[in-house]
Amino acid sequence: MKKQNIAVFASGGGSNLQAIIDGCAVGKINAQVCAVISNNSKSMALQRARDAGIPAFHFSAKIIPDPAGLAKTILQTLLDHKTDIIFLAGYMKRIDPSILRQYENRIYNIHPALLPKYGGRGMFGLHVHQAVIDAGETQTGITIHKVDPEYDTGAIVAQCMVPVEKSDTAETLAARVLAREHIFLVETLGELLC
């Protein structure tokens, strides 16, 4: 089967992007990262992409203030790089409807909780982990889901559990979930793209 082209959208450190790049390099994922797009010019994800020789793009309202023009530029970049699927790895912007239509059922997101719990607007990063701790949960986890027009409501593709320890802070829980994310992400993409 031919390798799929994955475009990765990321806003921050890009450690999940790195897991995807590494998983592709060793053949655990039958794909290659064809482009990395970030809304944050200082995103470490862009540097990780450049270091790996992957085309890296910063597109934001600071560069293209018109929302329709911004969406059109992103979509054209995806088409130019022959993107088969899109993976959101810590991307902090809503995906434009034009991109959702073009890539229907081919856009995936990773979320650091067991959806449908602890998802939705404002539920990202340490906010998620603090909410899990505040609720007294003994288990949290990771969800990979398809992206639809709402935050974190798309069809769930895969989930895995991560224990919550009594001594956890949002930071310690985040670190444990992130370490598991890197492995789970590669496993799940490996199964999806086999």
N, C-alpha and C. Protein backbone atom coordinates (compact mmCIF):
# COMPACT_ATOMS: atom_id res chain seq x y z
N MET A 1 0.85 -1.19 0.00
CA MET A 1 0.00 0.00 0.00
C MET A 1 0.89 1.25 0.00
N LYS A 2 0.49 2.24 -0.79
CA LYS A 2 1.30 3.45 -0.87
C LYS A 2 1.27 4.24 0.42
N LYS A 3 2.36 4.94 0.68
CA LYS A 3 2.43 5.76 1.89
C LYS A 3 1.47 6.93 1.77
N GLN A 4 0.81 7.21 2.88
CA GLN A 4 -0.10 8.35 2.96
C GLN A 4 0.71 9.61 3.28
N ASN A 5 0.21 10.75 2.81
CA ASN A 5 0.79 12.05 3.15
C ASN A 5 -0.01 12.66 4.29
N ILE A 6 0.67 12.90 5.40
CA ILE A 6 0.03 13.50 6.57
C ILE A 6 0.50 14.94 6.71
N ALA A 7 -0.45 15.85 6.80
CA ALA A 7 -0.14 17.23 7.18
C ALA A 7 -0.44 17.34 8.67
N VAL A 8 0.49 17.86 9.43
CA VAL A 8 0.31 18.00 10.88
C VAL A 8 0.14 19.48 11.20
N PHE A 9 -0.90 19.78 11.97
CA PHE A 9 -1.15 21.14 12.47
C PHE A 9 -0.75 21.15 13.94
N ALA A 10 0.07 22.10 14.35
CA ALA A 10 0.52 22.18 15.74
C ALA A 10 0.75 23.64 16.11
N SER A 11 0.48 23.97 17.37
CA SER A 11 0.68 25.34 17.84
C SER A 11 1.81 25.48 18.84
N GLY A 12 2.25 24.38 19.44
CA GLY A 12 3.21 24.49 20.53
C GLY A 12 4.51 23.78 20.29
N GLY A 13 4.88 22.95 21.28
CA GLY A 13 6.19 22.31 21.29
C GLY A 13 6.42 21.27 20.22
N GLY A 14 5.37 20.66 19.75
CA GLY A 14 5.52 19.71 18.65
C GLY A 14 6.05 18.35 19.03
N SER A 15 5.92 17.94 20.30
CA SER A 15 6.44 16.62 20.66
C SER A 15 5.62 15.50 20.02
N ASN A 16 4.30 15.71 19.86
CA ASN A 16 3.50 14.70 19.15
C ASN A 16 3.87 14.68 17.66
N LEU A 17 4.15 15.83 17.09
CA LEU A 17 4.65 15.87 15.72
C LEU A 17 5.92 15.05 15.62
N GLN A 18 6.83 15.22 16.57
CA GLN A 18 8.08 14.47 16.53
C GLN A 18 7.82 12.97 16.61
N ALA A 19 6.84 12.57 17.42
CA ALA A 19 6.49 11.14 17.52
C ALA A 19 6.01 10.63 16.16
N ILE A 20 5.23 11.44 15.45
CA ILE A 20 4.75 11.04 14.13
C ILE A 20 5.92 10.95 13.14
N ILE A 21 6.78 11.96 13.14
CA ILE A 21 7.94 11.95 12.24
C ILE A 21 8.78 10.69 12.50
N ASP A 22 9.05 10.41 13.77
CA ASP A 22 9.87 9.25 14.12
C ASP A 22 9.17 7.94 13.77
N GLY A 23 7.85 7.88 14.02
CA GLY A 23 7.09 6.68 13.69
C GLY A 23 7.08 6.39 12.20
N CYS A 24 7.01 7.43 11.39
CA CYS A 24 7.09 7.27 9.93
C CYS A 24 8.49 6.81 9.53
N ALA A 25 9.50 7.39 10.14
CA ALA A 25 10.90 7.10 9.76
C ALA A 25 11.27 5.64 9.99
N VAL A 26 10.70 5.03 11.04
CA VAL A 26 11.04 3.63 11.35
C VAL A 26 10.01 2.64 10.81
N GLY A 27 9.02 3.15 10.05
CA GLY A 27 8.06 2.27 9.41
C GLY A 27 6.91 1.81 10.29
N LYS A 28 6.74 2.41 11.48
CA LYS A 28 5.60 2.06 12.32
C LYS A 28 4.32 2.69 11.80
N ILE A 29 4.46 3.77 11.04
CA ILE A 29 3.33 4.44 10.39
C ILE A 29 3.62 4.43 8.90
N ASN A 30 2.69 3.90 8.11
CA ASN A 30 2.87 3.82 6.66
C ASN A 30 2.51 5.17 6.03
N ALA A 31 3.35 6.16 6.31
CA ALA A 31 3.06 7.52 5.88
C ALA A 31 4.33 8.34 5.93
N GLN A 32 4.18 9.57 5.45
CA GLN A 32 5.24 10.57 5.59
C GLN A 32 4.57 11.90 5.90
N VAL A 33 5.24 12.72 6.69
CA VAL A 33 4.71 14.05 6.98
C VAL A 33 5.06 14.93 5.80
N CYS A 34 4.02 15.43 5.11
CA CYS A 34 4.23 16.21 3.88
C CYS A 34 4.30 17.71 4.15
N ALA A 35 3.74 18.15 5.30
CA ALA A 35 3.75 19.58 5.64
C ALA A 35 3.39 19.73 7.10
N VAL A 36 3.90 20.79 7.70
CA VAL A 36 3.53 21.16 9.06
C VAL A 36 3.03 22.60 9.01
N ILE A 37 1.87 22.82 9.61
CA ILE A 37 1.25 24.14 9.62
C ILE A 37 1.03 24.56 11.07
N SER A 38 1.41 25.80 11.37
CA SER A 38 1.20 26.34 12.71
C SER A 38 0.64 27.74 12.63
N ASN A 39 -0.17 28.08 13.61
CA ASN A 39 -0.69 29.44 13.75
C ASN A 39 0.22 30.29 14.63
N ASN A 40 1.33 29.68 15.10
CA ASN A 40 2.23 30.33 16.04
C ASN A 40 3.64 30.36 15.42
N SER A 41 4.11 31.54 15.09
CA SER A 41 5.42 31.66 14.43
C SER A 41 6.57 31.16 15.31
N LYS A 42 6.36 31.13 16.62
CA LYS A 42 7.40 30.69 17.55
C LYS A 42 7.25 29.22 17.95
N SER A 43 6.33 28.52 17.32
CA SER A 43 6.08 27.12 17.64
C SER A 43 7.32 26.27 17.40
N MET A 44 7.68 25.48 18.38
CA MET A 44 8.80 24.55 18.22
C MET A 44 8.48 23.51 17.15
N ALA A 45 7.21 23.28 16.89
CA ALA A 45 6.82 22.33 15.85
C ALA A 45 7.39 22.75 14.49
N LEU A 46 7.39 24.04 14.22
CA LEU A 46 7.95 24.51 12.94
C LEU A 46 9.44 24.19 12.85
N GLN A 47 10.15 24.37 13.96
CA GLN A 47 11.58 24.06 13.95
C GLN A 47 11.82 22.56 13.81
N ARG A 48 11.00 21.76 14.48
CA ARG A 48 11.13 20.31 14.35
C ARG A 48 10.94 19.89 12.89
N ALA A 49 9.95 20.50 12.23
CA ALA A 49 9.70 20.19 10.82
C ALA A 49 10.91 20.58 9.98
N ARG A 50 11.40 21.79 10.16
CA ARG A 50 12.57 22.24 9.39
C ARG A 50 13.77 21.32 9.61
N ASP A 51 13.97 20.92 10.86
CA ASP A 51 15.10 20.02 11.19
C ASP A 51 14.99 18.69 10.46
N ALA A 52 13.74 18.26 10.19
CA ALA A 52 13.50 16.98 9.51
C ALA A 52 13.37 17.15 8.00
N GLY A 53 13.54 18.38 7.50
CA GLY A 53 13.43 18.62 6.07
C GLY A 53 12.00 18.61 5.56
N ILE A 54 11.05 18.90 6.45
CA ILE A 54 9.62 18.91 6.10
C ILE A 54 9.19 20.36 5.88
N PRO A 55 8.45 20.64 4.80
CA PRO A 55 7.95 21.99 4.60
C PRO A 55 7.15 22.48 5.80
N ALA A 56 7.49 23.66 6.30
CA ALA A 56 6.87 24.21 7.51
C ALA A 56 6.29 25.58 7.20
N PHE A 57 5.04 25.81 7.65
CA PHE A 57 4.33 27.04 7.31
C PHE A 57 3.70 27.67 8.54
N HIS A 58 3.89 28.97 8.68
CA HIS A 58 3.19 29.74 9.70
C HIS A 58 2.09 30.53 9.01
N PHE A 59 0.85 30.18 9.32
CA PHE A 59 -0.31 30.90 8.79
C PHE A 59 -1.16 31.34 9.96
N SER A 60 -1.38 32.64 10.07
CA SER A 60 -2.23 33.16 11.14
C SER A 60 -2.88 34.46 10.69
N ALA A 61 -3.78 34.96 11.52
CA ALA A 61 -4.46 36.22 11.22
C ALA A 61 -3.48 37.39 11.20
N LYS A 62 -2.32 37.24 11.82
CA LYS A 62 -1.31 38.30 11.77
C LYS A 62 -0.75 38.44 10.36
N ILE A 63 -0.67 37.34 9.64
CA ILE A 63 -0.13 37.35 8.28
C ILE A 63 -1.24 37.57 7.25
N ILE A 64 -2.36 36.87 7.46
CA ILE A 64 -3.50 36.97 6.53
C ILE A 64 -4.74 37.31 7.37
N PRO A 65 -5.05 38.60 7.54
CA PRO A 65 -6.14 39.01 8.43
C PRO A 65 -7.54 38.54 8.00
N ASP A 66 -7.75 38.37 6.71
CA ASP A 66 -9.07 37.96 6.21
C ASP A 66 -9.27 36.46 6.46
N PRO A 67 -10.27 36.06 7.27
CA PRO A 67 -10.47 34.64 7.58
C PRO A 67 -10.65 33.76 6.34
N ALA A 68 -11.39 34.24 5.36
CA ALA A 68 -11.60 33.44 4.14
C ALA A 68 -10.28 33.28 3.38
N GLY A 69 -9.49 34.36 3.33
CA GLY A 69 -8.20 34.29 2.66
C GLY A 69 -7.24 33.36 3.38
N LEU A 70 -7.28 33.37 4.71
CA LEU A 70 -6.44 32.49 5.51
C LEU A 70 -6.80 31.03 5.25
N ALA A 71 -8.10 30.72 5.29
CA ALA A 71 -8.55 29.35 5.04
C ALA A 71 -8.17 28.89 3.64
N LYS A 72 -8.32 29.80 2.67
CA LYS A 72 -7.99 29.45 1.28
C LYS A 72 -6.50 29.15 1.13
N THR A 73 -5.66 29.92 1.80
CA THR A 73 -4.21 29.71 1.76
C THR A 73 -3.83 28.37 2.38
N ILE A 74 -4.43 28.07 3.53
CA ILE A 74 -4.14 26.79 4.19
C ILE A 74 -4.59 25.63 3.31
N LEU A 75 -5.81 25.73 2.77
CA LEU A 75 -6.33 24.66 1.93
C LEU A 75 -5.45 24.45 0.69
N GLN A 76 -5.03 25.53 0.07
CA GLN A 76 -4.18 25.41 -1.12
C GLN A 76 -2.84 24.76 -0.77
N THR A 77 -2.31 25.09 0.39
CA THR A 77 -1.05 24.48 0.83
C THR A 77 -1.22 22.97 1.02
N LEU A 78 -2.34 22.58 1.60
CA LEU A 78 -2.62 21.15 1.78
C LEU A 78 -2.72 20.44 0.43
N LEU A 79 -3.42 21.06 -0.51
CA LEU A 79 -3.57 20.46 -1.84
C LEU A 79 -2.23 20.42 -2.58
N ASP A 80 -1.47 21.49 -2.48
CA ASP A 80 -0.16 21.54 -3.14
C ASP A 80 0.79 20.44 -2.65
N HIS A 81 0.64 20.05 -1.38
CA HIS A 81 1.51 19.03 -0.80
C HIS A 81 0.86 17.64 -0.83
N LYS A 82 -0.21 17.53 -1.62
CA LYS A 82 -0.88 16.24 -1.85
C LYS A 82 -1.26 15.54 -0.54
N THR A 83 -1.83 16.32 0.36
CA THR A 83 -2.21 15.82 1.68
C THR A 83 -3.35 14.81 1.57
N ASP A 84 -3.15 13.66 2.22
CA ASP A 84 -4.20 12.64 2.30
C ASP A 84 -5.00 12.78 3.59
N ILE A 85 -4.30 12.98 4.70
CA ILE A 85 -4.98 13.17 5.98
C ILE A 85 -4.31 14.32 6.74
N ILE A 86 -5.08 14.87 7.69
CA ILE A 86 -4.58 15.94 8.55
C ILE A 86 -4.63 15.43 9.98
N PHE A 87 -3.56 15.72 10.72
CA PHE A 87 -3.55 15.36 12.14
C PHE A 87 -3.29 16.62 12.96
N LEU A 88 -4.19 16.88 13.91
CA LEU A 88 -4.04 18.03 14.79
C LEU A 88 -3.30 17.58 16.04
N ALA A 89 -2.12 18.11 16.23
CA ALA A 89 -1.27 17.72 17.36
C ALA A 89 -1.03 18.95 18.23
N GLY A 90 -2.06 19.30 19.00
CA GLY A 90 -1.95 20.50 19.83
C GLY A 90 -2.16 21.77 19.03
N TYR A 91 -3.11 21.74 18.10
CA TYR A 91 -3.41 22.92 17.28
C TYR A 91 -4.52 23.69 17.95
N MET A 92 -4.29 24.96 18.22
CA MET A 92 -5.19 25.74 19.06
C MET A 92 -6.15 26.65 18.27
N LYS A 93 -6.49 26.24 17.07
CA LYS A 93 -7.44 27.01 16.27
C LYS A 93 -8.49 26.08 15.71
N ARG A 94 -9.69 26.63 15.52
CA ARG A 94 -10.76 25.86 14.89
C ARG A 94 -10.45 25.69 13.40
N ILE A 95 -10.80 24.55 12.85
CA ILE A 95 -10.57 24.28 11.44
C ILE A 95 -11.71 24.87 10.62
N ASP A 96 -11.36 25.60 9.58
CA ASP A 96 -12.36 26.25 8.74
C ASP A 96 -13.26 25.22 8.05
N PRO A 97 -14.56 25.56 7.89
CA PRO A 97 -15.48 24.62 7.23
C PRO A 97 -15.04 24.17 5.84
N SER A 98 -14.36 25.04 5.10
CA SER A 98 -13.91 24.65 3.75
C SER A 98 -12.90 23.51 3.82
N ILE A 99 -12.05 23.52 4.84
CA ILE A 99 -11.06 22.45 5.02
C ILE A 99 -11.75 21.20 5.53
N LEU A 100 -12.71 21.38 6.45
CA LEU A 100 -13.49 20.23 6.94
C LEU A 100 -14.20 19.52 5.79
N ARG A 101 -14.75 20.28 4.87
CA ARG A 101 -15.45 19.67 3.72
C ARG A 101 -14.47 18.93 2.81
N GLN A 102 -13.37 19.57 2.49
CA GLN A 102 -12.39 18.96 1.57
C GLN A 102 -11.80 17.67 2.14
N TYR A 103 -11.61 17.65 3.46
CA TYR A 103 -10.96 16.51 4.11
C TYR A 103 -11.92 15.78 5.07
N GLU A 104 -13.17 15.73 4.70
CA GLU A 104 -14.19 15.10 5.55
C GLU A 104 -13.77 13.67 5.92
N ASN A 105 -13.86 13.37 7.21
CA ASN A 105 -13.49 12.06 7.77
C ASN A 105 -12.00 11.73 7.62
N ARG A 106 -11.18 12.74 7.30
CA ARG A 106 -9.74 12.53 7.16
C ARG A 106 -8.94 13.52 8.01
N ILE A 107 -9.60 14.12 9.00
CA ILE A 107 -8.93 15.02 9.94
C ILE A 107 -9.08 14.42 11.33
N TYR A 108 -7.94 14.24 12.01
CA TYR A 108 -7.92 13.63 13.33
C TYR A 108 -7.30 14.57 14.34
N ASN A 109 -7.73 14.43 15.59
CA ASN A 109 -7.19 15.23 16.69
C ASN A 109 -6.84 14.30 17.84
N ILE A 110 -5.85 14.69 18.62
CA ILE A 110 -5.53 13.97 19.85
C ILE A 110 -5.88 14.88 21.02
N HIS A 111 -6.58 14.31 22.02
CA HIS A 111 -7.04 15.09 23.17
C HIS A 111 -6.59 14.38 24.45
N PRO A 112 -6.07 15.14 25.43
CA PRO A 112 -5.50 14.52 26.63
C PRO A 112 -6.53 14.20 27.72
N ALA A 113 -7.61 13.56 27.34
CA ALA A 113 -8.62 13.10 28.30
C ALA A 113 -9.50 12.07 27.59
N LEU A 114 -10.32 11.41 28.38
CA LEU A 114 -11.23 10.43 27.82
C LEU A 114 -12.54 11.13 27.44
N LEU A 115 -12.60 11.57 26.20
CA LEU A 115 -13.83 12.22 25.73
C LEU A 115 -14.99 11.22 25.83
N PRO A 116 -16.21 11.68 26.08
CA PRO A 116 -16.65 13.07 26.02
C PRO A 116 -16.37 13.90 27.28
N LYS A 117 -15.79 13.30 28.31
CA LYS A 117 -15.44 14.10 29.49
C LYS A 117 -14.27 15.04 29.18
N TYR A 118 -14.31 16.22 29.76
CA TYR A 118 -13.20 17.17 29.75
C TYR A 118 -12.78 17.59 28.34
N GLY A 119 -13.77 17.81 27.51
CA GLY A 119 -13.52 18.32 26.18
C GLY A 119 -14.28 19.61 25.98
N GLY A 120 -14.13 20.20 24.81
CA GLY A 120 -14.86 21.41 24.47
C GLY A 120 -13.99 22.65 24.56
N ARG A 121 -14.63 23.78 24.32
CA ARG A 121 -13.92 25.06 24.29
C ARG A 121 -13.21 25.31 25.62
N GLY A 122 -11.97 25.70 25.55
CA GLY A 122 -11.20 26.02 26.75
C GLY A 122 -10.56 24.81 27.42
N MET A 123 -10.90 23.62 26.96
CA MET A 123 -10.34 22.41 27.56
C MET A 123 -9.11 21.95 26.77
N PHE A 124 -7.98 22.51 27.17
CA PHE A 124 -6.71 22.15 26.55
C PHE A 124 -5.63 22.27 27.62
N GLY A 125 -4.50 21.60 27.36
CA GLY A 125 -3.35 21.72 28.25
C GLY A 125 -3.67 21.44 29.70
N LEU A 126 -3.09 22.25 30.57
CA LEU A 126 -3.24 22.02 32.01
C LEU A 126 -4.67 22.18 32.49
N HIS A 127 -5.51 22.92 31.76
CA HIS A 127 -6.92 23.07 32.14
C HIS A 127 -7.60 21.70 32.21
N VAL A 128 -7.30 20.84 31.24
CA VAL A 128 -7.90 19.51 31.21
C VAL A 128 -7.45 18.71 32.43
N HIS A 129 -6.15 18.68 32.67
CA HIS A 129 -5.62 17.85 33.75
C HIS A 129 -6.07 18.35 35.12
N GLN A 130 -6.17 19.67 35.29
CA GLN A 130 -6.66 20.21 36.56
C GLN A 130 -8.12 19.85 36.77
N ALA A 131 -8.92 19.88 35.70
CA ALA A 131 -10.34 19.50 35.81
C ALA A 131 -10.48 18.03 36.20
N VAL A 132 -9.64 17.18 35.64
CA VAL A 132 -9.66 15.75 35.98
C VAL A 132 -9.34 15.56 37.47
N ILE A 133 -8.30 16.23 37.94
CA ILE A 133 -7.91 16.13 39.36
C ILE A 133 -9.01 16.69 40.26
N ASP A 134 -9.55 17.86 39.91
CA ASP A 134 -10.59 18.50 40.73
C ASP A 134 -11.83 17.62 40.84
N ALA A 135 -12.11 16.82 39.80
CA ALA A 135 -13.29 15.94 39.81
C ALA A 135 -13.04 14.66 40.59
N GLY A 136 -11.82 14.44 41.05
CA GLY A 136 -11.51 13.24 41.81
C GLY A 136 -11.43 11.97 40.98
N GLU A 137 -11.15 12.11 39.70
CA GLU A 137 -11.05 10.94 38.82
C GLU A 137 -9.84 10.08 39.22
N THR A 138 -9.98 8.78 39.05
CA THR A 138 -8.86 7.87 39.29
C THR A 138 -8.23 7.43 37.96
N GLN A 139 -8.92 7.69 36.87
CA GLN A 139 -8.42 7.37 35.53
C GLN A 139 -8.66 8.55 34.60
N THR A 140 -7.71 8.82 33.78
CA THR A 140 -7.88 9.75 32.68
C THR A 140 -7.38 9.02 31.45
N GLY A 141 -6.98 9.72 30.43
CA GLY A 141 -6.48 9.00 29.27
C GLY A 141 -6.28 9.90 28.08
N ILE A 142 -6.34 9.27 26.93
CA ILE A 142 -6.09 9.95 25.66
C ILE A 142 -7.16 9.51 24.68
N THR A 143 -7.65 10.46 23.90
CA THR A 143 -8.63 10.16 22.86
C THR A 143 -8.11 10.66 21.53
N ILE A 144 -8.20 9.82 20.53
CA ILE A 144 -7.98 10.25 19.15
C ILE A 144 -9.34 10.19 18.48
N HIS A 145 -9.73 11.32 17.89
CA HIS A 145 -11.07 11.39 17.30
C HIS A 145 -11.04 12.13 15.97
N LYS A 146 -12.08 11.89 15.18
CA LYS A 146 -12.24 12.64 13.94
C LYS A 146 -12.69 14.05 14.29
N VAL A 147 -12.31 15.00 13.46
CA VAL A 147 -12.64 16.40 13.71
C VAL A 147 -13.91 16.77 12.94
N ASP A 148 -14.81 17.44 13.65
CA ASP A 148 -16.03 17.97 13.05
C ASP A 148 -16.10 19.46 13.40
N PRO A 149 -17.21 20.15 13.07
CA PRO A 149 -17.23 21.60 13.30
C PRO A 149 -17.17 22.04 14.77
N GLU A 150 -17.49 21.17 15.71
CA GLU A 150 -17.46 21.53 17.13
C GLU A 150 -16.16 21.07 17.78
N TYR A 151 -15.85 21.62 18.94
CA TYR A 151 -14.65 21.21 19.67
C TYR A 151 -14.85 19.83 20.30
N ASP A 152 -14.00 18.88 19.95
CA ASP A 152 -13.91 17.59 20.63
C ASP A 152 -15.18 16.74 20.60
N THR A 153 -15.98 16.87 19.55
CA THR A 153 -17.23 16.09 19.48
C THR A 153 -17.23 15.05 18.36
N GLY A 154 -16.19 14.98 17.56
CA GLY A 154 -16.15 14.04 16.45
C GLY A 154 -16.07 12.59 16.91
N ALA A 155 -16.34 11.68 15.99
CA ALA A 155 -16.35 10.25 16.29
C ALA A 155 -15.02 9.81 16.89
N ILE A 156 -15.10 9.06 17.98
CA ILE A 156 -13.91 8.56 18.66
C ILE A 156 -13.33 7.40 17.86
N VAL A 157 -12.05 7.47 17.59
CA VAL A 157 -11.34 6.44 16.84
C VAL A 157 -10.65 5.47 17.79
N ALA A 158 -10.01 5.99 18.84
CA ALA A 158 -9.29 5.14 19.79
C ALA A 158 -9.10 5.90 21.10
N GLN A 159 -9.06 5.13 22.19
CA GLN A 159 -8.79 5.70 23.51
C GLN A 159 -7.88 4.78 24.30
N CYS A 160 -7.13 5.35 25.22
CA CYS A 160 -6.37 4.53 26.17
C CYS A 160 -6.41 5.22 27.53
N MET A 161 -6.23 4.43 28.56
CA MET A 161 -6.34 4.91 29.94
C MET A 161 -4.96 5.25 30.51
N VAL A 162 -4.96 6.25 31.38
CA VAL A 162 -3.77 6.63 32.14
C VAL A 162 -4.24 6.84 33.58
N PRO A 163 -3.59 6.20 34.56
CA PRO A 163 -4.04 6.37 35.95
C PRO A 163 -3.76 7.77 36.48
N VAL A 164 -4.65 8.21 37.37
CA VAL A 164 -4.45 9.46 38.11
C VAL A 164 -3.98 9.06 39.50
N GLU A 165 -2.82 9.55 39.91
CA GLU A 165 -2.28 9.24 41.23
C GLU A 165 -2.77 10.28 42.24
N LYS A 166 -2.91 9.86 43.50
CA LYS A 166 -3.39 10.77 44.54
C LYS A 166 -2.49 11.99 44.70
N SER A 167 -1.20 11.82 44.43
CA SER A 167 -0.25 12.92 44.61
C SER A 167 -0.12 13.81 43.37
N ASP A 168 -0.88 13.50 42.31
CA ASP A 168 -0.72 14.25 41.05
C ASP A 168 -1.07 15.72 41.18
N THR A 169 -0.28 16.51 40.48
CA THR A 169 -0.64 17.90 40.17
C THR A 169 -1.00 17.91 38.69
N ALA A 170 -1.53 19.01 38.23
CA ALA A 170 -1.85 19.11 36.80
C ALA A 170 -0.58 18.87 35.98
N GLU A 171 0.56 19.36 36.47
CA GLU A 171 1.82 19.22 35.73
C GLU A 171 2.32 17.78 35.69
N THR A 172 2.25 17.07 36.82
CA THR A 172 2.74 15.68 36.81
C THR A 172 1.82 14.79 35.99
N LEU A 173 0.52 15.05 36.07
CA LEU A 173 -0.43 14.26 35.28
C LEU A 173 -0.23 14.56 33.79
N ALA A 174 -0.03 15.82 33.46
CA ALA A 174 0.20 16.20 32.06
C ALA A 174 1.43 15.49 31.50
N ALA A 175 2.49 15.42 32.28
CA ALA A 175 3.73 14.78 31.82
C ALA A 175 3.50 13.29 31.56
N ARG A 176 2.75 12.62 32.46
CA ARG A 176 2.50 11.19 32.30
C ARG A 176 1.60 10.92 31.10
N VAL A 177 0.57 11.75 30.92
CA VAL A 177 -0.32 11.59 29.77
C VAL A 177 0.45 11.84 28.47
N LEU A 178 1.28 12.87 28.44
CA LEU A 178 2.03 13.19 27.22
C LEU A 178 2.97 12.06 26.82
N ALA A 179 3.64 11.48 27.80
CA ALA A 179 4.55 10.36 27.50
C ALA A 179 3.77 9.21 26.86
N ARG A 180 2.57 8.95 27.36
CA ARG A 180 1.74 7.87 26.79
C ARG A 180 1.19 8.29 25.43
N GLU A 181 0.89 9.57 25.26
CA GLU A 181 0.37 10.07 23.97
C GLU A 181 1.32 9.72 22.84
N HIS A 182 2.61 9.92 23.04
CA HIS A 182 3.59 9.70 21.98
C HIS A 182 3.53 8.26 21.48
N ILE A 183 3.40 7.32 22.38
CA ILE A 183 3.33 5.90 22.02
C ILE A 183 1.99 5.57 21.39
N PHE A 184 0.92 6.01 22.04
CA PHE A 184 -0.45 5.70 21.59
C PHE A 184 -0.73 6.29 20.21
N LEU A 185 -0.24 7.48 19.98
CA LEU A 185 -0.42 8.15 18.70
C LEU A 185 0.19 7.33 17.56
N VAL A 186 1.41 6.87 17.76
CA VAL A 186 2.08 6.07 16.74
C VAL A 186 1.35 4.75 16.53
N GLU A 187 0.94 4.10 17.63
CA GLU A 187 0.20 2.84 17.51
C GLU A 187 -1.09 3.04 16.72
N THR A 188 -1.83 4.09 17.05
CA THR A 188 -3.13 4.32 16.41
C THR A 188 -2.98 4.68 14.95
N LEU A 189 -2.07 5.59 14.64
CA LEU A 189 -1.84 5.93 13.22
C LEU A 189 -1.31 4.73 12.45
N GLY A 190 -0.49 3.91 13.10
CA GLY A 190 0.00 2.70 12.46
C GLY A 190 -1.13 1.78 12.05
N GLU A 191 -2.15 1.67 12.91
CA GLU A 191 -3.31 0.83 12.59
C GLU A 191 -4.21 1.47 11.55
N LEU A 192 -4.40 2.77 11.64
CA LEU A 192 -5.28 3.48 10.69
C LEU A 192 -4.71 3.46 9.27
N LEU A 193 -3.41 3.53 9.15
CA LEU A 193 -2.78 3.70 7.84
C LEU A 193 -2.03 2.46 7.37
N CYS A 194 -2.43 1.29 7.88
CA CYS A 194 -1.73 0.06 7.47
C CYS A 194 -2.17 -0.39 6.07
